[in-house]
């Protein structure tokens, strides 16, 4: 897991972090084939949600992570939860990310 401009990236996505960041800032999600977002969940009882980037066109998500492929997104989510719990003893990912 790597950080770049306020986002967490999976290992494969980090190789393309600058390019992916430009697409995200321009909100050209439909051009991000195979890219998944890890977002803070709005659903009670969930910490994070994983979305295919193409679906992000239709909804506004609080994106905190970017991955290439669903498996990398799941691994990135697990790493984020482990990191937050390891450093804070809790699962308040939203406040942890705000403090970074």
C-alpha atoms as a PDB file:
ATOM      1  CA  UNK A   1       0.000   0.000   0.000  1.00  0.00           C
ATOM      2  CA  UNK A   2       1.342   3.388  -1.008  1.00  0.00           C
ATOM      3  CA  UNK A   3       0.124   6.972  -0.637  1.00  0.00           C
ATOM      4  CA  UNK A   4       0.058   9.547  -3.416  1.00  0.00           C
ATOM      5  CA  UNK A   5      -1.714  12.935  -3.286  1.00  0.00           C
ATOM      6  CA  UNK A   6      -4.083  11.908  -0.504  1.00  0.00           C
ATOM      7  CA  UNK A   7      -5.064   8.506  -1.899  1.00  0.00           C
ATOM      8  CA  UNK A   8      -3.955   5.011  -0.981  1.00  0.00           C
ATOM      9  CA  UNK A   9      -2.845   2.893  -3.931  1.00  0.00           C
ATOM     10  CA  UNK A  10      -2.483  -0.830  -4.350  1.00  0.00           C
ATOM     11  CA  UNK A  11       0.953  -1.990  -5.447  1.00  0.00           C
ATOM     12  CA  UNK A  12       0.007  -2.359  -9.127  1.00  0.00           C
ATOM     13  CA  UNK A  13      -1.976   0.868  -9.235  1.00  0.00           C
ATOM     14  CA  UNK A  14       0.911   2.785  -7.688  1.00  0.00           C
ATOM     15  CA  UNK A  15       2.990   2.167 -10.812  1.00  0.00           C
ATOM     16  CA  UNK A  16       0.418   4.307 -12.657  1.00  0.00           C
ATOM     17  CA  UNK A  17      -0.478   6.664  -9.805  1.00  0.00           C
ATOM     18  CA  UNK A  18       0.175   9.944 -11.628  1.00  0.00           C
ATOM     19  CA  UNK A  19      -1.874   8.887 -14.670  1.00  0.00           C
ATOM     20  CA  UNK A  20      -4.744   7.530 -12.568  1.00  0.00           C
ATOM     21  CA  UNK A  21      -4.771  10.652 -10.398  1.00  0.00           C
ATOM     22  CA  UNK A  22      -5.206  12.850 -13.509  1.00  0.00           C
ATOM     23  CA  UNK A  23      -8.215  10.811 -14.657  1.00  0.00           C
ATOM     24  CA  UNK A  24      -9.773  11.010 -11.205  1.00  0.00           C
ATOM     25  CA  UNK A  25      -9.338  14.763 -10.931  1.00  0.00           C
ATOM     26  CA  UNK A  26     -10.928  15.175 -14.383  1.00  0.00           C
ATOM     27  CA  UNK A  27     -13.696  12.731 -13.311  1.00  0.00           C
ATOM     28  CA  UNK A  28     -13.146  10.609 -16.435  1.00  0.00           C
ATOM     29  CA  UNK A  29     -13.964   7.380 -14.646  1.00  0.00           C
ATOM     30  CA  UNK A  30     -15.287   5.634 -17.755  1.00  0.00           C
ATOM     31  CA  UNK A  31     -11.737   5.648 -19.153  1.00  0.00           C
ATOM     32  CA  UNK A  32     -10.347   3.728 -16.165  1.00  0.00           C
ATOM     33  CA  UNK A  33     -10.686   0.145 -17.365  1.00  0.00           C
ATOM     34  CA  UNK A  34     -10.021  -2.425 -14.654  1.00  0.00           C
ATOM     35  CA  UNK A  35      -9.665   0.213 -11.943  1.00  0.00           C
ATOM     36  CA  UNK A  36     -11.479  -0.124  -8.636  1.00  0.00           C
ATOM     37  CA  UNK A  37     -12.059   2.466  -5.946  1.00  0.00           C
ATOM     38  CA  UNK A  38     -12.036   1.853  -2.220  1.00  0.00           C
ATOM     39  CA  UNK A  39     -14.430   4.319  -0.632  1.00  0.00           C
ATOM     40  CA  UNK A  40     -15.682   5.141   2.825  1.00  0.00           C
ATOM     41  CA  UNK A  41     -19.039   3.434   3.235  1.00  0.00           C
ATOM     42  CA  UNK A  42     -22.321   5.267   3.777  1.00  0.00           C
ATOM     43  CA  UNK A  43     -23.958   2.010   4.897  1.00  0.00           C
ATOM     44  CA  UNK A  44     -24.307   1.384   8.624  1.00  0.00           C
ATOM     45  CA  UNK A  45     -22.110  -1.496   9.721  1.00  0.00           C
ATOM     46  CA  UNK A  46     -19.723  -1.240   6.763  1.00  0.00           C
ATOM     47  CA  UNK A  47     -16.315   0.379   6.926  1.00  0.00           C
ATOM     48  CA  UNK A  48     -15.420   0.463   3.237  1.00  0.00           C
ATOM     49  CA  UNK A  49     -17.023  -0.171  -0.133  1.00  0.00           C
ATOM     50  CA  UNK A  50     -15.357  -1.311  -3.351  1.00  0.00           C
ATOM     51  CA  UNK A  51     -16.599   0.083  -6.680  1.00  0.00           C
ATOM     52  CA  UNK A  52     -15.597  -0.449 -10.257  1.00  0.00           C
ATOM     53  CA  UNK A  53     -14.422   2.983 -11.428  1.00  0.00           C
ATOM     54  CA  UNK A  54     -16.885   2.935 -14.330  1.00  0.00           C
ATOM     55  CA  UNK A  55     -19.772   2.888 -11.823  1.00  0.00           C
ATOM     56  CA  UNK A  56     -18.467   5.970 -10.028  1.00  0.00           C
ATOM     57  CA  UNK A  57     -19.842   8.112 -12.860  1.00  0.00           C
ATOM     58  CA  UNK A  58     -23.351   7.622 -11.479  1.00  0.00           C
ATOM     59  CA  UNK A  59     -22.707   8.173  -7.803  1.00  0.00           C
ATOM     60  CA  UNK A  60     -20.549  10.382  -5.646  1.00  0.00           C
ATOM     61  CA  UNK A  61     -18.225   8.325  -3.465  1.00  0.00           C
ATOM     62  CA  UNK A  62     -15.722   9.330  -0.815  1.00  0.00           C
ATOM     63  CA  UNK A  63     -12.786   7.665  -2.533  1.00  0.00           C
ATOM     64  CA  UNK A  64      -9.734   6.947  -0.399  1.00  0.00           C
ATOM     65  CA  UNK A  65      -8.069   4.123  -2.334  1.00  0.00           C
ATOM     66  CA  UNK A  66      -7.336   3.085  -5.905  1.00  0.00           C
ATOM     67  CA  UNK A  67      -6.499  -0.391  -7.150  1.00  0.00           C
ATOM     68  CA  UNK A  68      -6.022  -2.277 -10.394  1.00  0.00           C
ATOM     69  CA  UNK A  69      -8.442  -5.179 -10.262  1.00  0.00           C
ATOM     70  CA  UNK A  70     -10.969  -6.299  -7.688  1.00  0.00           C
ATOM     71  CA  UNK A  71      -8.528  -8.573  -5.856  1.00  0.00           C
ATOM     72  CA  UNK A  72      -6.072  -5.719  -5.361  1.00  0.00           C
ATOM     73  CA  UNK A  73      -8.958  -3.550  -4.104  1.00  0.00           C
ATOM     74  CA  UNK A  74      -9.900  -6.202  -1.545  1.00  0.00           C
ATOM     75  CA  UNK A  75      -6.262  -6.487  -0.426  1.00  0.00           C
ATOM     76  CA  UNK A  76      -5.968  -2.700  -0.201  1.00  0.00           C
ATOM     77  CA  UNK A  77      -9.132  -2.564   1.921  1.00  0.00           C
ATOM     78  CA  UNK A  78      -7.754  -5.200   4.276  1.00  0.00           C
ATOM     79  CA  UNK A  79      -4.424  -3.367   4.557  1.00  0.00           C
ATOM     80  CA  UNK A  80      -6.213  -0.105   5.382  1.00  0.00           C
ATOM     81  CA  UNK A  81      -8.303  -1.726   8.109  1.00  0.00           C
ATOM     82  CA  UNK A  82      -5.231  -3.459   9.591  1.00  0.00           C
ATOM     83  CA  UNK A  83      -3.225  -0.222   9.502  1.00  0.00           C
ATOM     84  CA  UNK A  84      -5.945   1.837  11.199  1.00  0.00           C
ATOM     85  CA  UNK A  85      -6.582  -0.816  13.848  1.00  0.00           C
ATOM     86  CA  UNK A  86      -2.855  -1.321  14.447  1.00  0.00           C
ATOM     87  CA  UNK A  87      -2.190   2.390  14.922  1.00  0.00           C
ATOM     88  CA  UNK A  88      -5.366   3.453  16.745  1.00  0.00           C
ATOM     89  CA  UNK A  89      -6.856   0.319  18.282  1.00  0.00           C
ATOM     90  CA  UNK A  90     -10.150   1.126  16.541  1.00  0.00           C
ATOM     91  CA  UNK A  91     -11.846   1.124  13.169  1.00  0.00           C
ATOM     92  CA  UNK A  92     -12.548   4.826  12.598  1.00  0.00           C
ATOM     93  CA  UNK A  93     -11.078   4.911   9.101  1.00  0.00           C
ATOM     94  CA  UNK A  94     -12.750   8.202   8.177  1.00  0.00           C
ATOM     95  CA  UNK A  95     -11.082  10.185  10.986  1.00  0.00           C
ATOM     96  CA  UNK A  96      -7.805   8.373  10.436  1.00  0.00           C
ATOM     97  CA  UNK A  97      -7.756   9.387   6.762  1.00  0.00           C
ATOM     98  CA  UNK A  98      -8.699  12.981   7.625  1.00  0.00           C
ATOM     99  CA  UNK A  99      -5.719  13.152   9.986  1.00  0.00           C
ATOM    100  CA  UNK A 100      -3.224  12.030   7.338  1.00  0.00           C
END
